Amino acid sequence: MKLADKKCSDGGRVPPLKALRARELLKELGHSWRINGKGHLERRYTFKDFSQAQAFANKVGVVAEAQGHHPDLYLAWGKCTLEIWSHKIKGLTESDFVLAAKAERKFKPFHTPALPTGVRPP
């Protein structure tokens, strides 16, 4: 099962991930995700304007609320940074990577290049 297809669980009931497992999940997550100096998952997304960055932040917010797992969102003109960790354990759990994967899915429509005129999607 892909990370984005899983559901976030209560991070207060599991121990923080071991470094090796966190690296494996980071590799699975791919893209531009990193573990920052505080030990949190982080990614900066870029957009063509403030409106798109805000729309993305709103979409992630809806997912976060539905999952009961809330990232820190930093919104600015043309960019939105997500910082994710499990507050209850002050570390990373698999749920943090699940939420990151769900954010990736919400980003796809903003990142999909336009098809040339006359070309139909597959």
PDB file of N, CA and C in Angstrom:
ATOM      1  N   MET A   1       0.845  -1.179   0.000  1.00  0.00           N
ATOM      2  CA  MET A   1       0.000   0.000   0.000  1.00  0.00           C
ATOM      3  C   MET A   1       0.894   1.247   0.000  1.00  0.00           C
ATOM      4  N   LYS A   2       0.559   2.199  -0.838  1.00  0.00           N
ATOM      5  CA  LYS A   2       1.321   3.438  -0.910  1.00  0.00           C
ATOM      6  C   LYS A   2       1.082   4.279   0.348  1.00  0.00           C
ATOM      7  N   LEU A   3       2.069   5.084   0.686  1.00  0.00           N
ATOM      8  CA  LEU A   3       1.944   5.941   1.865  1.00  0.00           C
ATOM      9  C   LEU A   3       0.696   6.813   1.805  1.00  0.00           C
ATOM     10  N   ALA A   4       0.420   7.396   0.648  1.00  0.00           N
ATOM     11  CA  ALA A   4      -0.714   8.314   0.523  1.00  0.00           C
ATOM     12  C   ALA A   4      -2.060   7.620   0.685  1.00  0.00           C
ATOM     13  N   ASP A   5      -2.079   6.292   0.580  1.00  0.00           N
ATOM     14  CA  ASP A   5      -3.330   5.542   0.728  1.00  0.00           C
ATOM     15  C   ASP A   5      -3.602   5.142   2.178  1.00  0.00           C
ATOM     16  N   LYS A   6      -2.620   5.363   3.037  1.00  0.00           N
ATOM     17  CA  LYS A   6      -2.780   5.003   4.446  1.00  0.00           C
ATOM     18  C   LYS A   6      -3.467   6.139   5.201  1.00  0.00           C
ATOM     19  N   LYS A   7      -3.877   5.842   6.418  1.00  0.00           N
ATOM     20  CA  LYS A   7      -4.496   6.833   7.283  1.00  0.00           C
ATOM     21  C   LYS A   7      -3.519   7.167   8.404  1.00  0.00           C
ATOM     22  N   CYS A   8      -3.471   8.420   8.778  1.00  0.00           N
ATOM     23  CA  CYS A   8      -2.633   8.823   9.900  1.00  0.00           C
ATOM     24  C   CYS A   8      -3.213   8.242  11.182  1.00  0.00           C
ATOM     25  N   SER A   9      -2.318   7.812  12.064  1.00  0.00           N
ATOM     26  CA  SER A   9      -2.763   7.293  13.359  1.00  0.00           C
ATOM     27  C   SER A   9      -2.287   8.239  14.450  1.00  0.00           C
ATOM     28  N   ASP A  10      -2.772   8.040  15.631  1.00  0.00           N
ATOM     29  CA  ASP A  10      -2.402   8.879  16.764  1.00  0.00           C
ATOM     30  C   ASP A  10      -0.927   8.693  17.083  1.00  0.00           C
ATOM     31  N   GLY A  11      -0.130   9.712  16.830  1.00  0.00           N
ATOM     32  CA  GLY A  11       1.308   9.623  17.042  1.00  0.00           C
ATOM     33  C   GLY A  11       1.724   9.508  18.495  1.00  0.00           C
ATOM     34  N   GLY A  12       0.813   9.718  19.425  1.00  0.00           N
ATOM     35  CA  GLY A  12       1.165   9.647  20.831  1.00  0.00           C
ATOM     36  C   GLY A  12       1.253   8.231  21.359  1.00  0.00           C
ATOM     37  N   ARG A  13       0.873   7.267  20.571  1.00  0.00           N
ATOM     38  CA  ARG A  13       0.845   5.884  21.034  1.00  0.00           C
ATOM     39  C   ARG A  13       1.939   5.019  20.428  1.00  0.00           C
ATOM     40  N   VAL A  14       2.819   5.624  19.676  1.00  0.00           N
ATOM     41  CA  VAL A  14       3.905   4.864  19.065  1.00  0.00           C
ATOM     42  C   VAL A  14       5.231   5.566  19.375  1.00  0.00           C
ATOM     43  N   PRO A  15       6.321   4.811  19.406  1.00  0.00           N
ATOM     44  CA  PRO A  15       7.626   5.451  19.633  1.00  0.00           C
ATOM     45  C   PRO A  15       8.089   6.173  18.370  1.00  0.00           C
ATOM     46  N   PRO A  16       8.988   7.134  18.509  1.00  0.00           N
ATOM     47  CA  PRO A  16       9.552   7.787  17.322  1.00  0.00           C
ATOM     48  C   PRO A  16      10.245   6.759  16.429  1.00  0.00           C
ATOM     49  N   LEU A  17      10.258   7.039  15.140  1.00  0.00           N
ATOM     50  CA  LEU A  17      10.933   6.148  14.192  1.00  0.00           C
ATOM     51  C   LEU A  17      12.432   6.126  14.441  1.00  0.00           C
ATOM     52  N   LYS A  18      13.015   4.989  14.219  1.00  0.00           N
ATOM     53  CA  LYS A  18      14.474   4.869  14.226  1.00  0.00           C
ATOM     54  C   LYS A  18      14.996   5.568  12.969  1.00  0.00           C
ATOM     55  N   ALA A  19      16.211   6.054  13.018  1.00  0.00           N
ATOM     56  CA  ALA A  19      16.788   6.811  11.904  1.00  0.00           C
ATOM     57  C   ALA A  19      16.768   6.027  10.599  1.00  0.00           C
ATOM     58  N   LEU A  20      17.079   4.738  10.643  1.00  0.00           N
ATOM     59  CA  LEU A  20      17.095   3.918   9.429  1.00  0.00           C
ATOM     60  C   LEU A  20      15.715   3.859   8.786  1.00  0.00           C
ATOM     61  N   ARG A  21      14.683   3.641   9.581  1.00  0.00           N
ATOM     62  CA  ARG A  21      13.315   3.569   9.045  1.00  0.00           C
ATOM     63  C   ARG A  21      12.886   4.929   8.489  1.00  0.00           C
ATOM     64  N   ALA A  22      13.252   6.000   9.170  1.00  0.00           N
ATOM     65  CA  ALA A  22      12.914   7.345   8.675  1.00  0.00           C
ATOM     66  C   ALA A  22      13.574   7.587   7.318  1.00  0.00           C
ATOM     67  N   ARG A  23      14.809   7.153   7.156  1.00  0.00           N
ATOM     68  CA  ARG A  23      15.493   7.323   5.856  1.00  0.00           C
ATOM     69  C   ARG A  23      14.821   6.495   4.769  1.00  0.00           C
ATOM     70  N   GLU A  24      14.377   5.288   5.106  1.00  0.00           N
ATOM     71  CA  GLU A  24      13.673   4.445   4.131  1.00  0.00           C
ATOM     72  C   GLU A  24      12.382   5.122   3.674  1.00  0.00           C
ATOM     73  N   LEU A  25      11.629   5.655   4.637  1.00  0.00           N
ATOM     74  CA  LEU A  25      10.369   6.318   4.285  1.00  0.00           C
ATOM     75  C   LEU A  25      10.617   7.607   3.513  1.00  0.00           C
ATOM     76  N   LEU A  26      11.683   8.320   3.849  1.00  0.00           N
ATOM     77  CA  LEU A  26      12.035   9.540   3.129  1.00  0.00           C
ATOM     78  C   LEU A  26      12.339   9.218   1.675  1.00  0.00           C
ATOM     79  N   LYS A  27      13.044   8.129   1.450  1.00  0.00           N
ATOM     80  CA  LYS A  27      13.366   7.690   0.090  1.00  0.00           C
ATOM     81  C   LYS A  27      12.078   7.333  -0.664  1.00  0.00           C
ATOM     82  N   GLU A  28      11.173   6.651   0.030  1.00  0.00           N
ATOM     83  CA  GLU A  28       9.890   6.289  -0.576  1.00  0.00           C
ATOM     84  C   GLU A  28       9.074   7.538  -0.911  1.00  0.00           C
ATOM     85  N   LEU A  29       9.151   8.521  -0.046  1.00  0.00           N
ATOM     86  CA  LEU A  29       8.427   9.773  -0.261  1.00  0.00           C
ATOM     87  C   LEU A  29       8.985  10.517  -1.460  1.00  0.00           C
ATOM     88  N   GLY A  30      10.303  10.537  -1.575  1.00  0.00           N
ATOM     89  CA  GLY A  30      10.962  11.153  -2.717  1.00  0.00           C
ATOM     90  C   GLY A  30      10.776  12.651  -2.798  1.00  0.00           C
ATOM     91  N   HIS A  31      10.876  13.151  -4.008  1.00  0.00           N
ATOM     92  CA  HIS A  31      10.729  14.568  -4.325  1.00  0.00           C
ATOM     93  C   HIS A  31      11.728  15.404  -3.532  1.00  0.00           C
ATOM     94  N   SER A  32      11.295  16.510  -3.029  1.00  0.00           N
ATOM     95  CA  SER A  32      12.195  17.443  -2.360  1.00  0.00           C
ATOM     96  C   SER A  32      12.041  17.428  -0.841  1.00  0.00           C
ATOM     97  N   TRP A  33      11.522  16.364  -0.302  1.00  0.00           N
ATOM     98  CA  TRP A  33      11.371  16.269   1.149  1.00  0.00           C
ATOM     99  C   TRP A  33      12.728  16.055   1.792  1.00  0.00           C
ATOM    100  N   ARG A  34      12.882  16.602   2.992  1.00  0.00           N
ATOM    101  CA  ARG A  34      14.110  16.417   3.751  1.00  0.00           C
ATOM    102  C   ARG A  34      13.765  16.355   5.235  1.00  0.00           C
ATOM    103  N   ILE A  35      14.688  15.887   6.012  1.00  0.00           N
ATOM    104  CA  ILE A  35      14.555  15.963   7.463  1.00  0.00           C
ATOM    105  C   ILE A  35      15.414  17.150   7.883  1.00  0.00           C
ATOM    106  N   ASN A  36      14.760  18.165   8.459  1.00  0.00           N
ATOM    107  CA  ASN A  36      15.472  19.405   8.783  1.00  0.00           C
ATOM    108  C   ASN A  36      16.286  19.259  10.074  1.00  0.00           C
ATOM    109  N   GLY A  37      16.934  20.324  10.476  1.00  0.00           N
ATOM    110  CA  GLY A  37      17.795  20.316  11.657  1.00  0.00           C
ATOM    111  C   GLY A  37      17.075  20.033  12.961  1.00  0.00           C
ATOM    112  N   LYS A  38      15.755  20.212  12.975  1.00  0.00           N
ATOM    113  CA  LYS A  38      14.965  19.918  14.181  1.00  0.00           C
ATOM    114  C   LYS A  38      14.459  18.478  14.173  1.00  0.00           C
ATOM    115  N   GLY A  39      14.776  17.734  13.106  1.00  0.00           N
ATOM    116  CA  GLY A  39      14.309  16.356  13.001  1.00  0.00           C
ATOM    117  C   GLY A  39      12.889  16.247  12.478  1.00  0.00           C
ATOM    118  N   HIS A  40      12.395  17.305  11.809  1.00  0.00           N
ATOM    119  CA  HIS A  40      11.052  17.333  11.251  1.00  0.00           C
ATOM    120  C   HIS A  40      11.118  17.142   9.741  1.00  0.00           C
ATOM    121  N   LEU A  41      10.051  16.599   9.169  1.00  0.00           N
ATOM    122  CA  LEU A  41       9.927  16.523   7.707  1.00  0.00           C
ATOM    123  C   LEU A  41       9.637  17.917   7.184  1.00  0.00           C
ATOM    124  N   GLU A  42      10.246  18.262   6.056  1.00  0.00           N
ATOM    125  CA  GLU A  42      10.026  19.606   5.516  1.00  0.00           C
ATOM    126  C   GLU A  42      10.142  19.591   3.996  1.00  0.00           C
ATOM    127  N   ARG A  43       9.279  20.389   3.382  1.00  0.00           N
ATOM    128  CA  ARG A  43       9.370  20.604   1.933  1.00  0.00           C
ATOM    129  C   ARG A  43       8.802  21.968   1.597  1.00  0.00           C
ATOM    130  N   ARG A  44       9.492  22.665   0.700  1.00  0.00           N
ATOM    131  CA  ARG A  44       8.983  23.932   0.166  1.00  0.00           C
ATOM    132  C   ARG A  44       8.434  23.659  -1.224  1.00  0.00           C
ATOM    133  N   TYR A  45       7.197  24.051  -1.430  1.00  0.00           N
ATOM    134  CA  TYR A  45       6.541  23.962  -2.735  1.00  0.00           C
ATOM    135  C   TYR A  45       6.545  25.351  -3.352  1.00  0.00           C
ATOM    136  N   THR A  46       6.716  25.419  -4.665  1.00  0.00           N
ATOM    137  CA  THR A  46       6.668  26.710  -5.346  1.00  0.00           C
ATOM    138  C   THR A  46       5.506  26.736  -6.334  1.00  0.00           C
ATOM    139  N   PHE A  47       4.979  27.944  -6.522  1.00  0.00           N
ATOM    140  CA  PHE A  47       3.797  28.162  -7.349  1.00  0.00           C
ATOM    141  C   PHE A  47       3.995  29.414  -8.186  1.00  0.00           C
ATOM    142  N   LYS A  48       3.091  29.614  -9.149  1.00  0.00           N
ATOM    143  CA  LYS A  48       3.242  30.777 -10.030  1.00  0.00           C
ATOM    144  C   LYS A  48       2.794  32.081  -9.363  1.00  0.00           C
ATOM    145  N   ASP A  49       2.014  31.985  -8.273  1.00  0.00           N
ATOM    146  CA  ASP A  49       1.570  33.200  -7.602  1.00  0.00           C
ATOM    147  C   ASP A  49       1.063  32.870  -6.182  1.00  0.00           C
ATOM    148  N   PHE A  50       0.661  33.915  -5.475  1.00  0.00           N
ATOM    149  CA  PHE A  50       0.177  33.742  -4.100  1.00  0.00           C
ATOM    150  C   PHE A  50      -1.120  32.941  -4.064  1.00  0.00           C
ATOM    151  N   SER A  51      -1.985  33.183  -5.015  1.00  0.00           N
ATOM    152  CA  SER A  51      -3.288  32.514  -5.046  1.00  0.00           C
ATOM    153  C   SER A  51      -3.148  30.995  -5.108  1.00  0.00           C
ATOM    154  N   GLN A  52      -2.241  30.500  -5.942  1.00  0.00           N
ATOM    155  CA  GLN A  52      -2.028  29.052  -6.038  1.00  0.00           C
ATOM    156  C   GLN A  52      -1.421  28.495  -4.756  1.00  0.00           C
ATOM    157  N   ALA A  53      -0.482  29.217  -4.174  1.00  0.00           N
ATOM    158  CA  ALA A  53       0.128  28.762  -2.914  1.00  0.00           C
ATOM    159  C   ALA A  53      -0.933  28.675  -1.822  1.00  0.00           C
ATOM    160  N   GLN A  54      -1.805  29.655  -1.781  1.00  0.00           N
ATOM    161  CA  GLN A  54      -2.878  29.664  -0.783  1.00  0.00           C
ATOM    162  C   GLN A  54      -3.871  28.527  -1.032  1.00  0.00           C
ATOM    163  N   ALA A  55      -4.210  28.291  -2.288  1.00  0.00           N
ATOM    164  CA  ALA A  55      -5.133  27.199  -2.619  1.00  0.00           C
ATOM    165  C   ALA A  55      -4.543  25.853  -2.190  1.00  0.00           C
ATOM    166  N   PHE A  56      -3.251  25.673  -2.426  1.00  0.00           N
ATOM    167  CA  PHE A  56      -2.581  24.448  -2.004  1.00  0.00           C
ATOM    168  C   PHE A  56      -2.614  24.314  -0.480  1.00  0.00           C
ATOM    169  N   ALA A  57      -2.284  25.381   0.221  1.00  0.00           N
ATOM    170  CA  ALA A  57      -2.304  25.357   1.690  1.00  0.00           C
ATOM    171  C   ALA A  57      -3.697  24.981   2.194  1.00  0.00           C
ATOM    172  N   ASN A  58      -4.731  25.510   1.561  1.00  0.00           N
ATOM    173  CA  ASN A  58      -6.107  25.174   1.960  1.00  0.00           C
ATOM    174  C   ASN A  58      -6.408  23.695   1.722  1.00  0.00           C
ATOM    175  N   LYS A  59      -5.948  23.159   0.597  1.00  0.00           N
ATOM    176  CA  LYS A  59      -6.178  21.731   0.301  1.00  0.00           C
ATOM    177  C   LYS A  59      -5.466  20.839   1.323  1.00  0.00           C
ATOM    178  N   VAL A  60      -4.240  21.191   1.657  1.00  0.00           N
ATOM    179  CA  VAL A  60      -3.503  20.428   2.665  1.00  0.00           C
ATOM    180  C   VAL A  60      -4.199  20.558   4.018  1.00  0.00           C
ATOM    181  N   GLY A  61      -4.716  21.735   4.317  1.00  0.00           N
ATOM    182  CA  GLY A  61      -5.427  21.942   5.569  1.00  0.00           C
ATOM    183  C   GLY A  61      -6.650  21.052   5.703  1.00  0.00           C
ATOM    184  N   VAL A  62      -7.378  20.865   4.627  1.00  0.00           N
ATOM    185  CA  VAL A  62      -8.551  19.993   4.641  1.00  0.00           C
ATOM    186  C   VAL A  62      -8.125  18.547   4.915  1.00  0.00           C
ATOM    187  N   VAL A  63      -7.073  18.100   4.256  1.00  0.00           N
ATOM    188  CA  VAL A  63      -6.565  16.741   4.466  1.00  0.00           C
ATOM    189  C   VAL A  63      -6.086  16.586   5.907  1.00  0.00           C
ATOM    190  N   ALA A  64      -5.339  17.561   6.393  1.00  0.00           N
ATOM    191  CA  ALA A  64      -4.804  17.500   7.752  1.00  0.00           C
ATOM    192  C   ALA A  64      -5.928  17.394   8.779  1.00  0.00           C
ATOM    193  N   GLU A  65      -6.955  18.169   8.594  1.00  0.00           N
ATOM    194  CA  GLU A  65      -8.087  18.131   9.529  1.00  0.00           C
ATOM    195  C   GLU A  65      -8.785  16.775   9.482  1.00  0.00           C
ATOM    196  N   ALA A  66      -8.977  16.244   8.290  1.00  0.00           N
ATOM    197  CA  ALA A  66      -9.627  14.940   8.144  1.00  0.00           C
ATOM    198  C   ALA A  66      -8.784  13.823   8.766  1.00  0.00           C
ATOM    199  N   GLN A  67      -7.462  13.971   8.725  1.00  0.00           N
ATOM    200  CA  GLN A  67      -6.559  12.954   9.260  1.00  0.00           C
ATOM    201  C   GLN A  67      -6.266  13.158  10.751  1.00  0.00           C
ATOM    202  N   GLY A  68      -6.623  14.326  11.263  1.00  0.00           N
ATOM    203  CA  GLY A  68      -6.323  14.626  12.656  1.00  0.00           C
ATOM    204  C   GLY A  68      -4.828  14.775  12.905  1.00  0.00           C
ATOM    205  N   HIS A  69      -4.116  15.228  11.887  1.00  0.00           N
ATOM    206  CA  HIS A  69      -2.649  15.354  11.967  1.00  0.00           C
ATOM    207  C   HIS A  69      -2.290  16.667  11.284  1.00  0.00           C
ATOM    208  N   HIS A  70      -1.773  17.620  12.026  1.00  0.00           N
ATOM    209  CA  HIS A  70      -1.669  18.988  11.542  1.00  0.00           C
ATOM    210  C   HIS A  70      -0.231  19.464  11.380  1.00  0.00           C
ATOM    211  N   PRO A  71       0.167  19.765  10.134  1.00  0.00           N
ATOM    212  CA  PRO A  71       1.517  20.288   9.887  1.00  0.00           C
ATOM    213  C   PRO A  71       1.573  21.777  10.181  1.00  0.00           C
ATOM    214  N   ASP A  72       2.766  22.298  10.276  1.00  0.00           N
ATOM    215  CA  ASP A  72       2.942  23.745  10.274  1.00  0.00           C
ATOM    216  C   ASP A  72       3.024  24.144   8.807  1.00  0.00           C
ATOM    217  N   LEU A  73       2.257  25.151   8.435  1.00  0.00           N
ATOM    218  CA  LEU A  73       2.235  25.658   7.064  1.00  0.00           C
ATOM    219  C   LEU A  73       2.783  27.081   7.065  1.00  0.00           C
ATOM    220  N   TYR A  74       3.730  27.350   6.192  1.00  0.00           N
ATOM    221  CA  TYR A  74       4.291  28.685   6.051  1.00  0.00           C
ATOM    222  C   TYR A  74       3.967  29.159   4.637  1.00  0.00           C
ATOM    223  N   LEU A  75       3.106  30.161   4.546  1.00  0.00           N
ATOM    224  CA  LEU A  75       2.599  30.630   3.261  1.00  0.00           C
ATOM    225  C   LEU A  75       3.194  31.985   2.925  1.00  0.00           C
ATOM    226  N   ALA A  76       3.684  32.114   1.708  1.00  0.00           N
ATOM    227  CA  ALA A  76       4.215  33.378   1.211  1.00  0.00           C
ATOM    228  C   ALA A  76       3.923  33.455  -0.283  1.00  0.00           C
ATOM    229  N   TRP A  77       4.260  34.578  -0.909  1.00  0.00           N
ATOM    230  CA  TRP A  77       3.992  34.735  -2.328  1.00  0.00           C
ATOM    231  C   TRP A  77       4.733  33.658  -3.104  1.00  0.00           C
ATOM    232  N   GLY A  78       3.965  32.819  -3.800  1.00  0.00           N
ATOM    233  CA  GLY A  78       4.535  31.809  -4.682  1.00  0.00           C
ATOM    234  C   GLY A  78       5.175  30.625  -3.991  1.00  0.00           C
ATOM    235  N   LYS A  79       4.985  30.502  -2.675  1.00  0.00           N
ATOM    236  CA  LYS A  79       5.571  29.340  -2.002  1.00  0.00           C
ATOM    237  C   LYS A  79       4.784  28.975  -0.743  1.00  0.00           C
ATOM    238  N   CYS A  80       4.862  27.708  -0.426  1.00  0.00           N
ATOM    239  CA  CYS A  80       4.246  27.182   0.787  1.00  0.00           C
ATOM    240  C   CYS A  80       5.174  26.088   1.308  1.00  0.00           C
ATOM    241  N   THR A  81       5.601  26.236   2.539  1.00  0.00           N
ATOM    242  CA  THR A  81       6.473  25.238   3.154  1.00  0.00           C
ATOM    243  C   THR A  81       5.666  24.456   4.182  1.00  0.00           C
ATOM    244  N   LEU A  82       5.807  23.136   4.134  1.00  0.00           N
ATOM    245  CA  LEU A  82       5.187  22.262   5.127  1.00  0.00           C
ATOM    246  C   LEU A  82       6.271  21.735   6.038  1.00  0.00           C
ATOM    247  N   GLU A  83       5.995  21.752   7.326  1.00  0.00           N
ATOM    248  CA  GLU A  83       6.873  21.158   8.327  1.00  0.00           C
ATOM    249  C   GLU A  83       6.011  20.200   9.133  1.00  0.00           C
ATOM    250  N   ILE A  84       6.396  18.944   9.152  1.00  0.00           N
ATOM    251  CA  ILE A  84       5.559  17.898   9.743  1.00  0.00           C
ATOM    252  C   ILE A  84       6.364  17.092  10.761  1.00  0.00           C
ATOM    253  N   TRP A  85       5.757  16.887  11.928  1.00  0.00           N
ATOM    254  CA  TRP A  85       6.291  15.984  12.940  1.00  0.00           C
ATOM    255  C   TRP A  85       5.168  15.666  13.898  1.00  0.00           C
ATOM    256  N   SER A  86       5.349  14.639  14.687  1.00  0.00           N
ATOM    257  CA  SER A  86       4.331  14.251  15.660  1.00  0.00           C
ATOM    258  C   SER A  86       4.605  14.978  16.969  1.00  0.00           C
ATOM    259  N   HIS A  87       3.794  15.980  17.237  1.00  0.00           N
ATOM    260  CA  HIS A  87       3.989  16.847  18.396  1.00  0.00           C
ATOM    261  C   HIS A  87       4.009  16.068  19.719  1.00  0.00           C
ATOM    262  N   LYS A  88       3.135  15.074  19.840  1.00  0.00           N
ATOM    263  CA  LYS A  88       3.001  14.348  21.112  1.00  0.00           C
ATOM    264  C   LYS A  88       4.282  13.623  21.508  1.00  0.00           C
ATOM    265  N   ILE A  89       5.026  13.135  20.521  1.00  0.00           N
ATOM    266  CA  ILE A  89       6.253  12.401  20.848  1.00  0.00           C
ATOM    267  C   ILE A  89       7.504  13.205  20.510  1.00  0.00           C
ATOM    268  N   LYS A  90       7.298  14.408  19.962  1.00  0.00           N
ATOM    269  CA  LYS A  90       8.413  15.287  19.584  1.00  0.00           C
ATOM    270  C   LYS A  90       9.399  14.571  18.662  1.00  0.00           C
ATOM    271  N   GLY A  91       8.843  13.859  17.690  1.00  0.00           N
ATOM    272  CA  GLY A  91       9.663  13.128  16.733  1.00  0.00           C
ATOM    273  C   GLY A  91       8.845  12.728  15.529  1.00  0.00           C
ATOM    274  N   LEU A  92       9.397  11.872  14.700  1.00  0.00           N
ATOM    275  CA  LEU A  92       8.731  11.421  13.483  1.00  0.00           C
ATOM    276  C   LEU A  92       8.112  10.046  13.670  1.00  0.00           C
ATOM    277  N   THR A  93       6.922   9.885  13.098  1.00  0.00           N
ATOM    278  CA  THR A  93       6.252   8.591  13.034  1.00  0.00           C
ATOM    279  C   THR A  93       5.895   8.339  11.574  1.00  0.00           C
ATOM    280  N   GLU A  94       5.434   7.149  11.281  1.00  0.00           N
ATOM    281  CA  GLU A  94       5.021   6.852   9.911  1.00  0.00           C
ATOM    282  C   GLU A  94       3.905   7.800   9.470  1.00  0.00           C
ATOM    283  N   SER A  95       3.049   8.219  10.392  1.00  0.00           N
ATOM    284  CA  SER A  95       1.955   9.125  10.047  1.00  0.00           C
ATOM    285  C   SER A  95       2.454  10.438   9.456  1.00  0.00           C
ATOM    286  N   ASP A  96       3.620  10.887   9.867  1.00  0.00           N
ATOM    287  CA  ASP A  96       4.186  12.116   9.300  1.00  0.00           C
ATOM    288  C   ASP A  96       4.487  11.929   7.816  1.00  0.00           C
ATOM    289  N   PHE A  97       4.988  10.765   7.466  1.00  0.00           N
ATOM    290  CA  PHE A  97       5.289  10.459   6.065  1.00  0.00           C
ATOM    291  C   PHE A  97       3.999  10.241   5.270  1.00  0.00           C
ATOM    292  N   VAL A  98       2.986   9.688   5.911  1.00  0.00           N
ATOM    293  CA  VAL A  98       1.677   9.517   5.276  1.00  0.00           C
ATOM    294  C   VAL A  98       1.104  10.882   4.921  1.00  0.00           C
ATOM    295  N   LEU A  99       1.132  11.813   5.865  1.00  0.00           N
ATOM    296  CA  LEU A  99       0.613  13.155   5.596  1.00  0.00           C
ATOM    297  C   LEU A  99       1.413  13.847   4.499  1.00  0.00           C
ATOM    298  N   ALA A 100       2.720  13.673   4.501  1.00  0.00           N
ATOM    299  CA  ALA A 100       3.559  14.257   3.451  1.00  0.00           C
ATOM    300  C   ALA A 100       3.175  13.697   2.079  1.00  0.00           C
ATOM    301  N   ALA A 101       2.930  12.394   2.004  1.00  0.00           N
ATOM    302  CA  ALA A 101       2.527  11.771   0.738  1.00  0.00           C
ATOM    303  C   ALA A 101       1.169  12.288   0.286  1.00  0.00           C
ATOM    304  N   LYS A 102       0.275  12.513   1.217  1.00  0.00           N
ATOM    305  CA  LYS A 102      -1.032  13.068   0.874  1.00  0.00           C
ATOM    306  C   LYS A 102      -0.883  14.499   0.350  1.00  0.00           C
ATOM    307  N   ALA A 103       0.045  15.267   0.922  1.00  0.00           N
ATOM    308  CA  ALA A 103       0.317  16.625   0.429  1.00  0.00           C
ATOM    309  C   ALA A 103       0.859  16.568  -0.998  1.00  0.00           C
ATOM    310  N   GLU A 104       1.702  15.585  -1.279  1.00  0.00           N
ATOM    311  CA  GLU A 104       2.220  15.418  -2.645  1.00  0.00           C
ATOM    312  C   GLU A 104       1.077  15.231  -3.636  1.00  0.00           C
ATOM    313  N   ARG A 105       0.102  14.447  -3.269  1.00  0.00           N
ATOM    314  CA  ARG A 105      -1.058  14.232  -4.154  1.00  0.00           C
ATOM    315  C   ARG A 105      -1.807  15.538  -4.397  1.00  0.00           C
ATOM    316  N   LYS A 106      -1.917  16.361  -3.386  1.00  0.00           N
ATOM    317  CA  LYS A 106      -2.620  17.644  -3.541  1.00  0.00           C
ATOM    318  C   LYS A 106      -1.819  18.609  -4.401  1.00  0.00           C
ATOM    319  N   PHE A 107      -0.506  18.424  -4.468  1.00  0.00           N
ATOM    320  CA  PHE A 107       0.352  19.301  -5.260  1.00  0.00           C
ATOM    321  C   PHE A 107       0.321  18.963  -6.742  1.00  0.00           C
ATOM    322  N   LYS A 108       0.054  17.704  -7.074  1.00  0.00           N
ATOM    323  CA  LYS A 108       0.121  17.262  -8.477  1.00  0.00           C
ATOM    324  C   LYS A 108      -0.638  18.162  -9.452  1.00  0.00           C
ATOM    325  N   PRO A 109      -1.899  18.556  -9.173  1.00  0.00           N
ATOM    326  CA  PRO A 109      -2.601  19.405 -10.154  1.00  0.00           C
ATOM    327  C   PRO A 109      -1.923  20.758 -10.384  1.00  0.00           C
ATOM    328  N   PHE A 110      -1.190  21.256  -9.397  1.00  0.00           N
ATOM    329  CA  PHE A 110      -0.496  22.533  -9.555  1.00  0.00           C
ATOM    330  C   PHE A 110       0.778  22.375 -10.352  1.00  0.00           C
ATOM    331  N   HIS A 111       1.345  21.185 -10.333  1.00  0.00           N
ATOM    332  CA  HIS A 111       2.651  20.929 -10.938  1.00  0.00           C
ATOM    333  C   HIS A 111       2.560  20.305 -12.329  1.00  0.00           C
ATOM    334  N   THR A 112       1.388  19.805 -12.698  1.00  0.00           N
ATOM    335  CA  THR A 112       1.236  19.125 -13.972  1.00  0.00           C
ATOM    336  C   THR A 112       1.417  20.117 -15.119  1.00  0.00           C
ATOM    337  N   PRO A 113       2.385  19.863 -15.997  1.00  0.00           N
ATOM    338  CA  PRO A 113       2.590  20.776 -17.118  1.00  0.00           C
ATOM    339  C   PRO A 113       1.393  20.703 -18.086  1.00  0.00           C
ATOM    340  N   ALA A 114       1.095  21.834 -18.684  1.00  0.00           N
ATOM    341  CA  ALA A 114       0.003  21.884 -19.647  1.00  0.00           C
ATOM    342  C   ALA A 114       0.342  21.050 -20.884  1.00  0.00           C
ATOM    343  N   LEU A 115      -0.660  20.376 -21.415  1.00  0.00           N
ATOM    344  CA  LEU A 115      -0.466  19.603 -22.648  1.00  0.00           C
ATOM    345  C   LEU A 115      -0.456  20.542 -23.840  1.00  0.00           C
ATOM    346  N   PRO A 116       0.317  20.216 -24.871  1.00  0.00           N
ATOM    347  CA  PRO A 116       0.316  21.041 -26.082  1.00  0.00           C
ATOM    348  C   PRO A 116      -1.092  21.061 -26.705  1.00  0.00           C
ATOM    349  N   THR A 117      -1.392  22.103 -27.411  1.00  0.00           N
ATOM    350  CA  THR A 117      -2.685  22.243 -28.060  1.00  0.00           C
ATOM    351  C   THR A 117      -2.969  21.034 -28.954  1.00  0.00           C
ATOM    352  N   GLY A 118      -4.173  20.503 -28.819  1.00  0.00           N
ATOM    353  CA  GLY A 118      -4.602  19.369 -29.630  1.00  0.00           C
ATOM    354  C   GLY A 118      -4.232  18.004 -29.053  1.00  0.00           C
ATOM    355  N   VAL A 119      -3.476  17.963 -27.971  1.00  0.00           N
ATOM    356  CA  VAL A 119      -3.081  16.697 -27.346  1.00  0.00           C
ATOM    357  C   VAL A 119      -4.060  16.388 -26.230  1.00  0.00           C
ATOM    358  N   ARG A 120      -4.559  15.169 -26.228  1.00  0.00           N
ATOM    359  CA  ARG A 120      -5.515  14.756 -25.201  1.00  0.00           C
ATOM    360  C   ARG A 120      -4.779  13.975 -24.115  1.00  0.00           C
ATOM    361  N   PRO A 121      -5.253  14.125 -22.870  1.00  0.00           N
ATOM    362  CA  PRO A 121      -4.616  13.347 -21.802  1.00  0.00           C
ATOM    363  C   PRO A 121      -4.888  11.856 -21.997  1.00  0.00           C
ATOM    364  N   PRO A 122      -3.968  11.001 -21.496  1.00  0.00           N
ATOM    365  CA  PRO A 122      -4.125   9.546 -21.670  1.00  0.00           C
ATOM    366  C   PRO A 122      -5.333   9.011 -20.924  1.00  0.00           C
TER     367      PRO A 122
END
